């Protein structure tokens, strides 16, 4: 259950980043975003 909650938090954080970047006019695909987050998570 904790893992699911952590995933949900990560998803929300990713969404915030995505929305911020889109607001700045920078398009980023979901795949690129996942790659970025995976790199940060290490």
N, C-alpha and C. Protein backbone atom coordinates (compact mmCIF):
# COMPACT_ATOMS: atom_id res chain seq x y z
N UNK A 1 0.85 -1.21 0.00
CA UNK A 1 0.00 0.00 0.00
C UNK A 1 0.87 1.25 0.00
N UNK A 2 1.93 1.23 0.79
CA UNK A 2 2.83 2.39 0.83
C UNK A 2 3.42 2.66 -0.55
N UNK A 3 3.76 1.58 -1.24
CA UNK A 3 4.36 1.72 -2.56
C UNK A 3 3.39 2.40 -3.52
N UNK A 4 2.11 2.00 -3.43
CA UNK A 4 1.09 2.61 -4.28
C UNK A 4 0.97 4.10 -3.98
N UNK A 5 1.03 4.44 -2.71
CA UNK A 5 0.91 5.85 -2.31
C UNK A 5 2.12 6.63 -2.83
N UNK A 6 3.29 6.04 -2.74
CA UNK A 6 4.50 6.70 -3.23
C UNK A 6 4.39 6.91 -4.74
N UNK A 7 3.85 5.90 -5.43
CA UNK A 7 3.66 6.03 -6.87
C UNK A 7 2.68 7.15 -7.18
N UNK A 8 1.62 7.24 -6.40
CA UNK A 8 0.62 8.27 -6.61
C UNK A 8 1.23 9.65 -6.39
N UNK A 9 2.07 9.77 -5.37
CA UNK A 9 2.73 11.05 -5.10
C UNK A 9 3.67 11.40 -6.24
N UNK A 10 4.40 10.41 -6.74
CA UNK A 10 5.32 10.64 -7.85
C UNK A 10 4.54 11.08 -9.08
N UNK A 11 3.38 10.45 -9.30
CA UNK A 11 2.54 10.82 -10.44
C UNK A 11 2.07 12.27 -10.32
N UNK A 12 1.66 12.65 -9.11
CA UNK A 12 1.20 14.03 -8.91
C UNK A 12 2.35 15.01 -9.13
N UNK A 13 3.53 14.67 -8.62
CA UNK A 13 4.70 15.53 -8.79
C UNK A 13 5.04 15.64 -10.27
N UNK A 14 4.97 14.53 -10.97
CA UNK A 14 5.27 14.52 -12.40
C UNK A 14 4.27 15.40 -13.14
N UNK A 15 3.01 15.33 -12.74
CA UNK A 15 1.98 16.12 -13.38
C UNK A 15 2.24 17.61 -13.17
N UNK A 16 2.65 17.99 -11.96
CA UNK A 16 2.96 19.38 -11.68
C UNK A 16 4.09 19.87 -12.58
N UNK A 17 5.14 19.06 -12.70
CA UNK A 17 6.28 19.41 -13.55
C UNK A 17 5.80 19.56 -14.99
N UNK A 18 5.00 18.61 -15.43
CA UNK A 18 4.48 18.63 -16.80
C UNK A 18 3.69 19.90 -17.06
N UNK A 19 2.80 20.25 -16.13
CA UNK A 19 1.97 21.44 -16.30
C UNK A 19 2.82 22.71 -16.30
N UNK A 20 3.82 22.76 -15.43
CA UNK A 20 4.70 23.92 -15.38
C UNK A 20 5.44 24.08 -16.70
N UNK A 21 5.97 22.98 -17.21
CA UNK A 21 6.73 23.05 -18.45
C UNK A 21 5.84 23.42 -19.62
N UNK A 22 4.61 22.90 -19.62
CA UNK A 22 3.68 23.26 -20.69
C UNK A 22 3.32 24.73 -20.59
N UNK A 23 3.19 25.23 -19.37
CA UNK A 23 2.86 26.64 -19.17
C UNK A 23 3.98 27.52 -19.70
N UNK A 24 5.20 27.02 -19.64
CA UNK A 24 6.36 27.76 -20.14
C UNK A 24 6.53 27.57 -21.64
N UNK A 25 5.60 26.83 -22.26
CA UNK A 25 5.65 26.64 -23.69
C UNK A 25 6.63 25.56 -24.11
N UNK A 26 7.09 24.77 -23.15
CA UNK A 26 8.04 23.70 -23.47
C UNK A 26 7.29 22.38 -23.54
N UNK A 27 7.17 21.81 -24.73
CA UNK A 27 6.46 20.55 -24.86
C UNK A 27 7.37 19.41 -24.45
N UNK A 28 6.82 18.48 -23.71
CA UNK A 28 7.58 17.29 -23.31
C UNK A 28 6.64 16.10 -23.36
N UNK A 29 7.08 15.04 -23.98
CA UNK A 29 6.22 13.86 -24.09
C UNK A 29 6.23 13.09 -22.79
N UNK A 30 5.25 12.25 -22.60
CA UNK A 30 5.17 11.45 -21.38
C UNK A 30 6.40 10.55 -21.26
N UNK A 31 6.85 10.02 -22.39
CA UNK A 31 8.03 9.14 -22.36
C UNK A 31 9.26 9.91 -21.91
N UNK A 32 9.42 11.12 -22.44
CA UNK A 32 10.57 11.95 -22.04
C UNK A 32 10.48 12.28 -20.56
N UNK A 33 9.28 12.58 -20.10
CA UNK A 33 9.09 12.92 -18.69
C UNK A 33 9.45 11.73 -17.81
N UNK A 34 8.99 10.54 -18.18
CA UNK A 34 9.31 9.35 -17.41
C UNK A 34 10.81 9.12 -17.36
N UNK A 35 11.48 9.32 -18.49
CA UNK A 35 12.94 9.13 -18.55
C UNK A 35 13.62 10.12 -17.61
N UNK A 36 13.14 11.36 -17.62
CA UNK A 36 13.71 12.40 -16.74
C UNK A 36 13.52 12.02 -15.27
N UNK A 37 12.31 11.61 -14.93
CA UNK A 37 12.02 11.25 -13.54
C UNK A 37 12.82 10.03 -13.11
N UNK A 38 12.97 9.07 -14.01
CA UNK A 38 13.74 7.87 -13.69
C UNK A 38 15.19 8.26 -13.42
N UNK A 39 15.70 9.19 -14.20
CA UNK A 39 17.08 9.64 -14.02
C UNK A 39 17.23 10.35 -12.67
N UNK A 40 16.23 11.14 -12.30
CA UNK A 40 16.27 11.87 -11.03
C UNK A 40 16.15 10.92 -9.85
N UNK A 41 15.40 9.85 -10.03
CA UNK A 41 15.11 8.92 -8.93
C UNK A 41 16.35 8.13 -8.52
N UNK A 42 17.28 7.98 -9.45
CA UNK A 42 18.48 7.19 -9.14
C UNK A 42 19.36 7.90 -8.13
